Amino acid sequence: MNSKAFSAGCIVAGSTIGAGMLGLPMAVGNLGFTMSCVLLVFMWALALYSGLLLVEVDMQVGPGLNFNKMVKKVLGWPGQVVAVLSLGFLLYALLVAYITGMGSILSDTYHFADYGAGTSMCSTIFAVIMAFIVFCGTKTILRFNNLFFIVMVCAMSFAFFSLSSTVDVDNLLAVAPNYDYLLGSLPILFAAYGYHFCIPSTCKIVEGNKNILYWAIIGGTIVPLVCYTLWLFLALGSVPMSQIAAMNGNVDSLIVAIAQDSVFIKAVLSVFASFALVTSFFGVSLSLYDLASETLNLGESQLHRVLATIAVFLPPIVAANLSPGSFIAALAHAGIGFAVLCLCLPCAMSWKLRNERKQTNTEAPYEVAGGKLTIAFASACGVFIIFAAFNA
């Protein structure tokens, strides 16, 4: 396999699998296993389509162009303002979720709390280490990300295999869909497929090769769909929903409950959860670093890299310490940014560029299948997800 294709696929899949997966049982369990799976497939198709729309736009306006400049070039400064605010809000919300989630895992699962390191301190230590890796540059991030992604997949495979014998089908059938939780689940489910922000950075990795990028996105999103379905099956089948509902979004509590007193399973789940968060963290932090550097007109000097790293990590570290239990809440807020960034804006840009191509009778380097009706439907879904986030 081409190393660039593998790296691109790892970035897409690694950016997708993370906090969203770990929080799924707590976020959608009340809808029942069957309804949750139906929504997972629908959101996957929606996220895949909108991601390919973004590739279509990126290939026409300039492969690898940062989202900020991409939107400005197509929609002008009003679109750029919406894009920068949405992207910044989204990426910072995700970093807060990852930092608080990892702080909980380090403090409770790895027993750092026994040495006086509480959740807030663990969150800060983790964020500082990650900040140093991001400061070292893209090549360093890719090396760590590829390695950690492989470890995550291995740990996940071990965990799924080990837990398969603990699933009680009665637990899956016992939960009747409670549609009071439907609206609240939509932003979190869509956020679970949030890879779009890394498309410009991934395009740079594959040097604008549309075929590699196309298959990296398809393969990189199918992997999370399969993993999410298996994770829901194992989690909801191993732990009664009443117990999951009482966890209040605590990742460590879910790991302990699923492990069922098995030290080995708990260790494997802890490794999986840790590396899932880290790989997702790399994709988000890399994209936010690129955005911060471009928005603040920072170069590649040591001082500018330090300033960009501070701009990326200081706000989420402060937020994570002010609200250490904000894992699920941060994911829900991220869903708003995802809907604007990953549905509404790609649809608007593709719509405009297709109209321009029709008027000038020119062809695009790449165009997603589906006409304006499909674009309009995807855009309407984005508006509804935003509505759901504010009214859940």
Protein backbone atom coordinates (compact mmCIF):
# COMPACT_ATOMS: atom_id res chain seq x y z
CA MET A 1 0.00 0.00 0.00
CA ASN A 2 1.22 3.52 -0.80
CA SER A 3 2.61 5.09 2.39
CA LYS A 4 0.83 8.36 1.62
CA ALA A 5 -2.47 6.55 1.16
CA PHE A 6 -1.97 4.73 4.45
CA SER A 7 -1.08 7.95 6.28
CA ALA A 8 -4.10 9.72 4.76
CA GLY A 9 -6.43 6.87 5.71
CA CYS A 10 -5.01 6.82 9.24
CA ILE A 11 -5.56 10.56 9.62
CA VAL A 12 -9.19 10.27 8.44
CA ALA A 13 -10.01 7.17 10.51
CA GLY A 14 -7.97 8.34 13.49
CA SER A 15 -9.62 11.76 13.45
CA THR A 16 -13.02 10.06 13.35
CA ILE A 17 -12.57 7.33 15.95
CA GLY A 18 -12.10 8.95 19.32
CA ALA A 19 -14.23 10.74 21.83
CA GLY A 20 -17.33 10.22 19.68
CA MET A 21 -16.98 6.45 19.84
CA LEU A 22 -16.33 6.30 23.57
CA GLY A 23 -19.39 8.40 24.33
CA LEU A 24 -21.82 6.66 21.96
CA PRO A 25 -23.32 4.14 24.45
CA MET A 26 -24.05 6.95 26.90
CA ALA A 27 -25.35 9.31 24.21
CA VAL A 28 -27.62 7.02 22.17
CA GLY A 29 -28.23 3.96 24.34
CA ASN A 30 -31.72 5.10 25.30
CA LEU A 31 -32.76 4.84 21.64
CA GLY A 32 -32.12 1.10 21.66
CA PHE A 33 -29.53 -0.83 19.68
CA THR A 34 -31.48 -1.16 16.41
CA MET A 35 -32.47 2.51 16.14
CA SER A 36 -28.96 3.57 17.12
CA CYS A 37 -27.50 1.47 14.28
CA VAL A 38 -29.96 2.91 11.76
CA LEU A 39 -28.94 6.43 12.77
CA LEU A 40 -25.25 5.47 12.65
CA VAL A 41 -25.55 4.31 9.03
CA PHE A 42 -27.54 7.39 8.02
CA MET A 43 -25.03 9.76 9.63
CA TRP A 44 -22.16 7.87 8.00
CA ALA A 45 -23.70 8.30 4.54
CA LEU A 46 -24.38 11.97 5.24
CA ALA A 47 -20.84 12.59 6.51
CA LEU A 48 -19.28 10.69 3.59
CA TYR A 49 -21.28 12.66 1.02
CA SER A 50 -20.49 16.03 2.59
CA GLY A 51 -16.82 15.10 2.89
CA LEU A 52 -16.64 14.26 -0.80
CA LEU A 53 -18.36 17.57 -1.54
CA LEU A 54 -15.53 19.26 0.34
CA VAL A 55 -12.99 17.34 -1.76
CA GLU A 56 -14.83 18.51 -4.89
CA VAL A 57 -14.51 22.13 -3.76
CA ASP A 58 -10.91 21.72 -2.60
CA MET A 59 -9.82 20.21 -5.91
CA GLN A 60 -11.32 23.08 -7.89
CA VAL A 61 -10.16 26.08 -5.82
CA GLY A 62 -6.70 24.69 -5.01
CA PRO A 63 -5.73 21.28 -3.57
CA GLY A 64 -4.69 21.53 0.07
CA LEU A 65 -5.97 25.08 0.47
CA ASN A 66 -6.86 25.75 4.10
CA PHE A 67 -10.58 25.76 4.88
CA ASN A 68 -10.35 29.44 5.80
CA LYS A 69 -9.04 30.49 2.37
CA MET A 70 -11.19 27.94 0.57
CA VAL A 71 -14.42 29.44 1.88
CA LYS A 72 -13.22 32.99 1.29
CA LYS A 73 -12.38 32.18 -2.32
CA VAL A 74 -15.83 30.69 -2.98
CA LEU A 75 -18.25 32.51 -0.65
CA GLY A 76 -16.37 35.75 0.08
CA TRP A 77 -15.70 37.32 3.46
CA PRO A 78 -19.20 36.61 4.95
CA GLY A 79 -18.68 32.90 4.37
CA GLN A 80 -15.13 33.15 5.68
CA VAL A 81 -16.31 34.68 8.96
CA VAL A 82 -18.85 31.89 9.42
CA ALA A 83 -16.24 29.26 8.51
CA VAL A 84 -13.52 30.53 10.85
CA LEU A 85 -15.90 30.90 13.78
CA SER A 86 -17.50 27.49 13.18
CA LEU A 87 -14.19 25.72 12.64
CA GLY A 88 -12.54 27.34 15.63
CA PHE A 89 -15.55 26.58 17.85
CA LEU A 90 -15.66 23.00 16.62
CA LEU A 91 -11.96 22.22 17.00
CA TYR A 92 -11.67 23.83 20.42
CA ALA A 93 -14.79 21.97 21.64
CA LEU A 94 -13.29 18.68 20.46
CA LEU A 95 -9.96 19.39 22.15
CA VAL A 96 -11.80 20.13 25.40
CA ALA A 97 -13.65 16.80 25.08
CA TYR A 98 -10.45 14.88 24.38
CA ILE A 99 -8.46 16.56 27.14
CA THR A 100 -11.16 15.98 29.77
CA GLY A 101 -11.75 12.42 28.57
CA MET A 102 -8.05 11.58 28.72
CA GLY A 103 -7.71 13.26 32.10
CA SER A 104 -10.44 11.00 33.45
CA ILE A 105 -8.79 7.89 32.02
CA LEU A 106 -5.33 8.77 33.35
CA SER A 107 -6.60 9.74 36.78
CA ASP A 108 -9.00 6.86 37.42
CA THR A 109 -8.17 3.99 35.06
CA TYR A 110 -4.39 4.30 35.30
CA HIS A 111 -4.66 5.29 38.99
CA PHE A 112 -2.68 8.52 38.70
CA ALA A 113 -5.07 9.82 41.35
CA ASP A 114 -3.36 7.51 43.84
CA TYR A 115 -0.25 9.67 43.44
CA GLY A 116 -2.10 12.93 43.95
CA ALA A 117 -2.76 13.65 40.27
CA GLY A 118 -6.46 14.40 39.90
CA THR A 119 -8.41 14.68 36.66
CA SER A 120 -7.51 18.34 36.09
CA MET A 121 -3.79 17.77 36.62
CA CYS A 122 -3.79 14.69 34.37
CA SER A 123 -5.65 16.65 31.69
CA THR A 124 -3.05 19.42 31.83
CA ILE A 125 -0.07 17.03 31.73
CA PHE A 126 -1.55 15.20 28.75
CA ALA A 127 -2.24 18.45 26.88
CA VAL A 128 1.29 19.75 27.48
CA ILE A 129 2.85 16.53 26.13
CA MET A 130 0.62 16.69 23.05
CA ALA A 131 1.48 20.36 22.58
CA PHE A 132 5.17 19.48 22.42
CA ILE A 133 4.53 16.80 19.77
CA VAL A 134 2.46 19.22 17.67
CA PHE A 135 5.20 21.85 18.05
CA CYS A 136 7.71 19.37 16.58
CA GLY A 137 5.85 19.40 13.26
CA THR A 138 3.71 17.39 10.84
CA LYS A 139 6.25 14.61 10.21
CA THR A 140 6.50 13.89 13.94
CA ILE A 141 2.71 13.89 14.27
CA LEU A 142 2.32 11.45 11.36
CA ARG A 143 4.91 9.05 12.80
CA PHE A 144 3.19 8.99 16.18
CA ASN A 145 -0.28 8.87 14.63
CA ASN A 146 0.49 5.89 12.37
CA LEU A 147 2.02 3.96 15.28
CA PHE A 148 -0.77 4.82 17.71
CA PHE A 149 -3.46 4.01 15.15
CA ILE A 150 -2.04 0.51 14.69
CA VAL A 151 -1.88 0.02 18.48
CA MET A 152 -5.47 1.29 18.79
CA VAL A 153 -6.76 -1.13 16.14
CA CYS A 154 -4.94 -4.05 17.78
CA ALA A 155 -6.28 -3.14 21.23
CA MET A 156 -9.77 -2.68 19.81
CA SER A 157 -9.62 -6.09 18.13
CA PHE A 158 -8.50 -7.73 21.37
CA ALA A 159 -11.23 -5.91 23.29
CA PHE A 160 -13.98 -6.85 20.84
CA PHE A 161 -12.86 -10.48 20.78
CA SER A 162 -12.62 -10.67 24.58
CA LEU A 163 -15.99 -9.01 25.15
CA SER A 164 -17.91 -11.05 22.58
CA SER A 165 -18.60 -13.77 25.16
CA THR A 166 -19.96 -11.30 27.73
CA VAL A 167 -22.76 -9.92 25.54
CA ASP A 168 -26.25 -10.62 26.83
CA VAL A 169 -28.76 -10.31 23.99
CA ASP A 170 -31.48 -9.62 26.56
CA ASN A 171 -29.74 -6.33 27.36
CA LEU A 172 -29.96 -5.33 23.70
CA LEU A 173 -33.64 -6.22 23.45
CA ALA A 174 -34.61 -4.82 26.84
CA VAL A 175 -34.29 -1.17 25.80
CA ALA A 176 -37.35 0.14 23.98
CA PRO A 177 -36.57 3.26 21.90
CA ASN A 178 -37.15 6.40 23.94
CA TYR A 179 -37.55 9.11 21.32
CA ASP A 180 -37.25 11.85 23.92
CA TYR A 181 -33.50 11.35 23.47
CA LEU A 182 -33.58 11.49 19.66
CA LEU A 183 -32.88 15.20 19.18
CA GLY A 184 -30.03 15.20 21.68
CA SER A 185 -28.38 12.23 19.99
CA LEU A 186 -28.24 13.71 16.48
CA PRO A 187 -25.43 16.28 17.03
CA ILE A 188 -23.32 13.70 18.88
CA LEU A 189 -23.86 11.04 16.21
CA PHE A 190 -22.86 13.41 13.43
CA ALA A 191 -19.89 14.67 15.43
CA ALA A 192 -18.76 11.04 15.71
CA TYR A 193 -18.00 11.19 11.96
CA GLY A 194 -16.11 14.45 12.10
CA TYR A 195 -13.13 14.09 9.81
CA HIS A 196 -13.91 16.98 7.44
CA PHE A 197 -11.66 19.50 9.16
CA CYS A 198 -8.59 17.41 8.28
CA ILE A 199 -9.34 17.16 4.53
CA PRO A 200 -7.15 20.16 3.52
CA SER A 201 -4.25 18.84 5.64
CA THR A 202 -4.79 15.32 4.27
CA CYS A 203 -4.82 16.69 0.72
CA LYS A 204 -1.34 18.09 1.36
CA ILE A 205 -0.17 14.68 2.57
CA VAL A 206 -1.27 12.99 -0.69
CA GLU A 207 -0.01 15.98 -2.71
CA GLY A 208 -3.40 16.66 -4.27
CA ASN A 209 -3.91 13.13 -5.65
CA LYS A 210 -7.71 12.97 -5.86
CA ASN A 211 -7.87 9.19 -6.27
CA ILE A 212 -5.84 8.51 -3.13
CA LEU A 213 -7.84 11.11 -1.20
CA TYR A 214 -11.15 9.67 -2.45
CA TRP A 215 -10.37 6.15 -1.29
CA ALA A 216 -8.74 7.36 1.91
CA ILE A 217 -12.00 9.08 2.85
CA ILE A 218 -14.19 6.12 1.93
CA GLY A 219 -11.98 3.60 3.71
CA GLY A 220 -11.28 5.97 6.57
CA THR A 221 -15.01 6.39 7.27
CA ILE A 222 -16.07 2.76 6.79
CA VAL A 223 -13.67 1.68 9.54
CA PRO A 224 -15.38 3.94 12.13
CA LEU A 225 -18.86 2.78 11.03
CA VAL A 226 -17.92 -0.85 11.67
CA CYS A 227 -16.17 -0.01 14.93
CA TYR A 228 -19.08 2.10 16.21
CA THR A 229 -21.58 -0.66 15.48
CA LEU A 230 -19.46 -3.29 17.24
CA TRP A 231 -18.80 -0.95 20.16
CA LEU A 232 -22.52 -0.31 20.67
CA PHE A 233 -23.23 -4.03 20.39
CA LEU A 234 -20.64 -4.89 23.03
CA ALA A 235 -21.34 -1.98 25.38
CA LEU A 236 -25.14 -2.15 25.32
CA GLY A 237 -25.03 -5.94 25.38
CA SER A 238 -22.65 -6.10 28.35
CA VAL A 239 -24.03 -3.36 30.60
CA PRO A 240 -27.72 -2.63 31.36
CA MET A 241 -28.87 0.74 30.06
CA SER A 242 -29.99 1.80 33.54
CA GLN A 243 -26.39 1.48 34.70
CA ILE A 244 -25.01 3.37 31.69
CA ALA A 245 -27.49 6.21 32.23
CA ALA A 246 -26.15 6.70 35.76
CA MET A 247 -22.56 7.25 34.57
CA ASN A 248 -23.13 10.91 33.64
CA GLY A 249 -20.75 10.73 30.69
CA ASN A 250 -17.76 9.37 32.65
CA VAL A 251 -15.58 7.32 30.27
CA ASP A 252 -13.74 5.54 33.07
CA SER A 253 -17.02 4.34 34.63
CA LEU A 254 -18.06 2.83 31.29
CA ILE A 255 -14.72 1.02 30.93
CA VAL A 256 -14.97 -0.41 34.46
CA ALA A 257 -18.57 -1.56 33.91
CA ILE A 258 -17.84 -3.25 30.58
CA ALA A 259 -14.71 -4.97 31.96
CA GLN A 260 -16.85 -6.72 34.62
CA ASP A 261 -13.99 -7.25 37.12
CA SER A 262 -11.65 -8.63 34.45
CA VAL A 263 -8.25 -6.98 34.89
CA PHE A 264 -7.17 -8.02 31.40
CA ILE A 265 -10.26 -6.65 29.63
CA LYS A 266 -10.06 -3.42 31.62
CA ALA A 267 -6.41 -3.01 30.63
CA VAL A 268 -7.15 -3.64 26.95
CA LEU A 269 -10.12 -1.26 26.97
CA SER A 270 -8.03 1.38 28.70
CA VAL A 271 -5.30 1.10 26.05
CA PHE A 272 -7.91 1.26 23.29
CA ALA A 273 -9.66 4.29 24.82
CA SER A 274 -6.36 6.07 25.37
CA PHE A 275 -5.04 5.60 21.85
CA ALA A 276 -8.43 6.34 20.29
CA LEU A 277 -8.42 9.71 22.01
CA VAL A 278 -4.78 10.38 21.11
CA THR A 279 -5.15 9.57 17.40
CA SER A 280 -8.25 11.72 17.18
CA PHE A 281 -6.42 14.44 19.10
CA PHE A 282 -3.63 14.50 16.52
CA GLY A 283 -6.00 15.14 13.61
CA VAL A 284 -7.86 17.90 15.44
CA SER A 285 -4.77 19.65 16.82
CA LEU A 286 -3.00 19.53 13.43
CA SER A 287 -5.98 21.15 11.73
CA LEU A 288 -6.32 23.79 14.46
CA TYR A 289 -2.59 24.50 14.27
CA ASP A 290 -2.82 25.09 10.51
CA LEU A 291 -5.87 27.33 11.00
CA ALA A 292 -4.21 29.35 13.78
CA SER A 293 -1.00 29.79 11.77
CA GLU A 294 -2.88 30.98 8.71
CA THR A 295 -5.37 33.20 10.55
CA LEU A 296 -2.63 34.87 12.63
CA ASN A 297 -0.19 35.02 9.68
CA LEU A 298 2.43 32.99 11.52
CA GLY A 299 5.38 31.44 9.73
CA GLU A 300 7.67 28.50 10.48
CA SER A 301 10.15 30.25 12.77
CA GLN A 302 10.60 28.84 16.27
CA LEU A 303 8.88 31.86 17.84
CA HIS A 304 5.91 31.65 15.49
CA ARG A 305 5.57 27.90 16.10
CA VAL A 306 5.53 28.55 19.85
CA LEU A 307 2.85 31.22 19.43
CA ALA A 308 0.72 28.95 17.23
CA THR A 309 1.06 26.08 19.71
CA ILE A 310 0.00 28.34 22.60
CA ALA A 311 -2.99 29.58 20.58
CA VAL A 312 -4.05 25.97 19.96
CA PHE A 313 -3.63 24.53 23.45
CA LEU A 314 -4.08 27.28 26.04
CA PRO A 315 -7.86 27.85 25.60
CA PRO A 316 -8.87 24.13 25.80
CA ILE A 317 -6.54 23.54 28.77
CA VAL A 318 -8.21 26.38 30.65
CA ALA A 319 -11.70 25.17 29.68
CA ALA A 320 -10.91 21.57 30.65
CA ASN A 321 -9.73 22.68 34.09
CA LEU A 322 -12.78 24.87 34.63
CA SER A 323 -15.17 22.06 33.65
CA PRO A 324 -13.45 18.66 34.11
CA GLY A 325 -16.68 16.67 33.62
CA SER A 326 -17.66 18.20 30.29
CA PHE A 327 -16.94 15.22 28.03
CA ILE A 328 -20.45 14.59 26.60
CA ALA A 329 -21.43 18.27 26.78
CA ALA A 330 -18.37 19.24 24.72
CA LEU A 331 -19.28 16.63 22.10
CA ALA A 332 -22.82 17.98 21.83
CA HIS A 333 -21.51 21.52 21.34
CA ALA A 334 -19.06 20.25 18.74
CA GLY A 335 -22.04 18.88 16.81
CA ILE A 336 -23.20 22.44 16.10
CA GLY A 337 -19.87 23.35 14.57
CA PHE A 338 -19.82 20.10 12.59
CA ALA A 339 -23.25 20.78 11.10
CA VAL A 340 -22.23 24.24 9.89
CA LEU A 341 -18.74 23.29 8.80
CA CYS A 342 -19.32 19.81 7.41
CA LEU A 343 -22.78 20.14 5.88
CA CYS A 344 -24.01 23.68 5.32
CA LEU A 345 -20.78 25.26 4.05
CA PRO A 346 -19.69 22.40 1.71
CA CYS A 347 -23.20 22.32 0.26
CA ALA A 348 -23.21 26.09 -0.26
CA MET A 349 -19.76 26.08 -1.89
CA SER A 350 -20.51 23.12 -4.15
CA TRP A 351 -23.85 24.65 -5.18
CA LYS A 352 -22.18 27.93 -6.17
CA LEU A 353 -19.26 26.31 -8.01
CA ARG A 354 -21.57 23.99 -9.95
CA ASN A 355 -23.65 26.97 -11.05
CA GLU A 356 -20.48 28.76 -12.18
CA ARG A 357 -19.27 25.70 -14.10
CA LYS A 358 -22.65 25.39 -15.79
CA GLN A 359 -22.56 29.03 -16.87
CA THR A 360 -19.00 28.80 -18.20
CA ASN A 361 -19.44 25.26 -19.56
CA THR A 362 -16.33 23.98 -17.78
CA GLU A 363 -15.61 20.67 -16.09
CA ALA A 364 -14.48 20.13 -12.50
CA PRO A 365 -11.38 18.07 -11.62
CA TYR A 366 -13.74 15.98 -9.49
CA GLU A 367 -17.51 16.08 -8.94
CA VAL A 368 -19.56 14.06 -6.46
CA ALA A 369 -22.48 12.06 -7.84
CA GLY A 370 -25.87 13.57 -7.11
CA GLY A 371 -27.50 16.76 -8.28
CA LYS A 372 -28.81 19.84 -6.55
CA LEU A 373 -31.63 17.92 -4.88
CA THR A 374 -29.08 15.82 -2.98
CA ILE A 375 -27.14 18.93 -1.99
CA ALA A 376 -30.35 20.60 -0.78
CA PHE A 377 -31.28 17.52 1.27
CA ALA A 378 -27.84 17.40 2.91
CA SER A 379 -28.02 21.10 3.70
CA ALA A 380 -31.48 20.67 5.26
CA CYS A 381 -30.08 17.87 7.43
CA GLY A 382 -27.39 20.25 8.64
CA VAL A 383 -29.96 22.86 9.62
CA PHE A 384 -32.01 20.22 11.46
CA ILE A 385 -28.94 19.00 13.39
CA ILE A 386 -28.25 22.57 14.51
CA PHE A 387 -31.89 22.88 15.57
CA ALA A 388 -31.62 19.59 17.47
CA ALA A 389 -28.49 20.75 19.31
CA PHE A 390 -30.20 23.90 20.55
CA ASN A 391 -33.48 22.18 21.46
CA ALA A 392 -32.31 18.88 22.96
